Amino acid sequence: MSNAKIITQLEEILEADAGTLSESTSLDSLDTWDSLAVISFIAYVSDEFDHVLSGDDLRDAKTVGDLIALVNAGSAA
């Protein structure tokens, strides 16, 4: 899946307007990046990529690009 599609899905999870996120967007700057969003993102990655992200993986992620890298690393494994 392309990075753009992952970003689009993340915008849906975060209820953000389309086109508002980029790979450089800081997760700390997003008010809606909370525990529910984390769980939703983990479920999305599990369903779409058959890869389970850990809480530790996500805790270390600082940007949307970091999340994409986690998804891509898991789908390459």
Protein backbone atom coordinates (compact mmCIF):
# COMPACT_ATOMS: atom_id res chain seq x y z
CA MET A 1 0.00 0.00 0.00
CA SER A 2 1.26 3.45 -0.79
CA ASN A 3 2.26 5.93 1.86
CA ALA A 4 -0.51 8.24 0.66
CA LYS A 5 -3.14 5.58 1.34
CA ILE A 6 -1.76 5.01 4.83
CA ILE A 7 -1.91 8.75 5.47
CA THR A 8 -5.49 8.88 4.16
CA GLN A 9 -6.48 6.08 6.53
CA LEU A 10 -4.72 7.82 9.40
CA GLU A 11 -6.65 11.01 8.60
CA GLU A 12 -9.87 9.00 8.84
CA ILE A 13 -8.84 7.49 12.17
CA LEU A 14 -7.96 10.93 13.51
CA GLU A 15 -11.04 12.55 11.95
CA ALA A 16 -8.72 15.05 10.27
CA ASP A 17 -9.52 16.86 7.05
CA ALA A 18 -8.19 15.19 3.93
CA GLY A 19 -4.76 16.43 2.98
CA THR A 20 -3.90 17.82 6.40
CA LEU A 21 -1.31 15.21 7.36
CA SER A 22 2.11 14.63 5.84
CA GLU A 23 4.98 12.36 6.73
CA SER A 24 6.59 15.21 8.66
CA THR A 25 3.51 15.87 10.84
CA SER A 26 4.42 15.52 14.51
CA LEU A 27 2.14 13.17 16.39
CA ASP A 28 2.46 15.41 19.47
CA SER A 29 0.83 18.22 17.48
CA LEU A 30 -2.34 16.16 16.91
CA ASP A 31 -4.95 16.52 19.63
CA THR A 32 -6.75 13.42 18.34
CA TRP A 33 -3.64 11.16 18.52
CA ASP A 34 -4.79 9.54 21.74
CA SER A 35 -5.18 6.02 23.10
CA LEU A 36 -8.28 5.34 20.98
CA ALA A 37 -6.45 6.47 17.83
CA VAL A 38 -3.49 4.25 18.73
CA ILE A 39 -5.77 1.23 19.14
CA SER A 40 -7.56 2.06 15.89
CA PHE A 41 -4.24 2.36 14.05
CA ILE A 42 -3.02 -0.95 15.48
CA ALA A 43 -6.28 -2.61 14.35
CA TYR A 44 -5.99 -1.06 10.88
CA VAL A 45 -2.42 -2.30 10.43
CA SER A 46 -3.36 -5.74 11.71
CA ASP A 47 -6.35 -6.02 9.38
CA GLU A 48 -4.77 -4.50 6.30
CA PHE A 49 -1.20 -5.78 6.58
CA ASP A 50 -1.51 -8.82 8.87
CA HIS A 51 1.14 -7.27 11.11
CA VAL A 52 0.74 -6.46 14.79
CA LEU A 53 2.38 -3.30 16.05
CA SER A 54 3.36 -3.13 19.70
CA GLY A 55 2.75 -0.31 22.09
CA ASP A 56 6.53 0.12 22.30
CA ASP A 57 6.72 0.55 18.52
CA LEU A 58 4.12 3.29 18.62
CA ARG A 59 5.51 4.93 21.74
CA ASP A 60 8.78 5.56 19.89
CA ALA A 61 7.03 7.02 16.82
CA LYS A 62 7.26 10.80 16.69
CA THR A 63 5.87 11.59 13.23
CA VAL A 64 3.38 10.25 10.72
CA GLY A 65 6.43 9.15 8.71
CA ASP A 66 7.56 7.04 11.67
CA LEU A 67 4.18 5.29 11.66
CA ILE A 68 4.48 4.65 7.93
CA ALA A 69 7.97 3.22 8.44
CA LEU A 70 6.59 0.81 11.05
CA VAL A 71 3.89 -0.34 8.67
CA ASN A 72 6.33 -0.76 5.80
CA ALA A 73 8.86 -2.60 7.98
CA GLY A 74 6.17 -5.01 9.16
CA SER A 75 4.77 -5.66 5.71
CA ALA A 76 8.27 -6.37 4.37
CA ALA A 77 8.91 -8.99 7.04
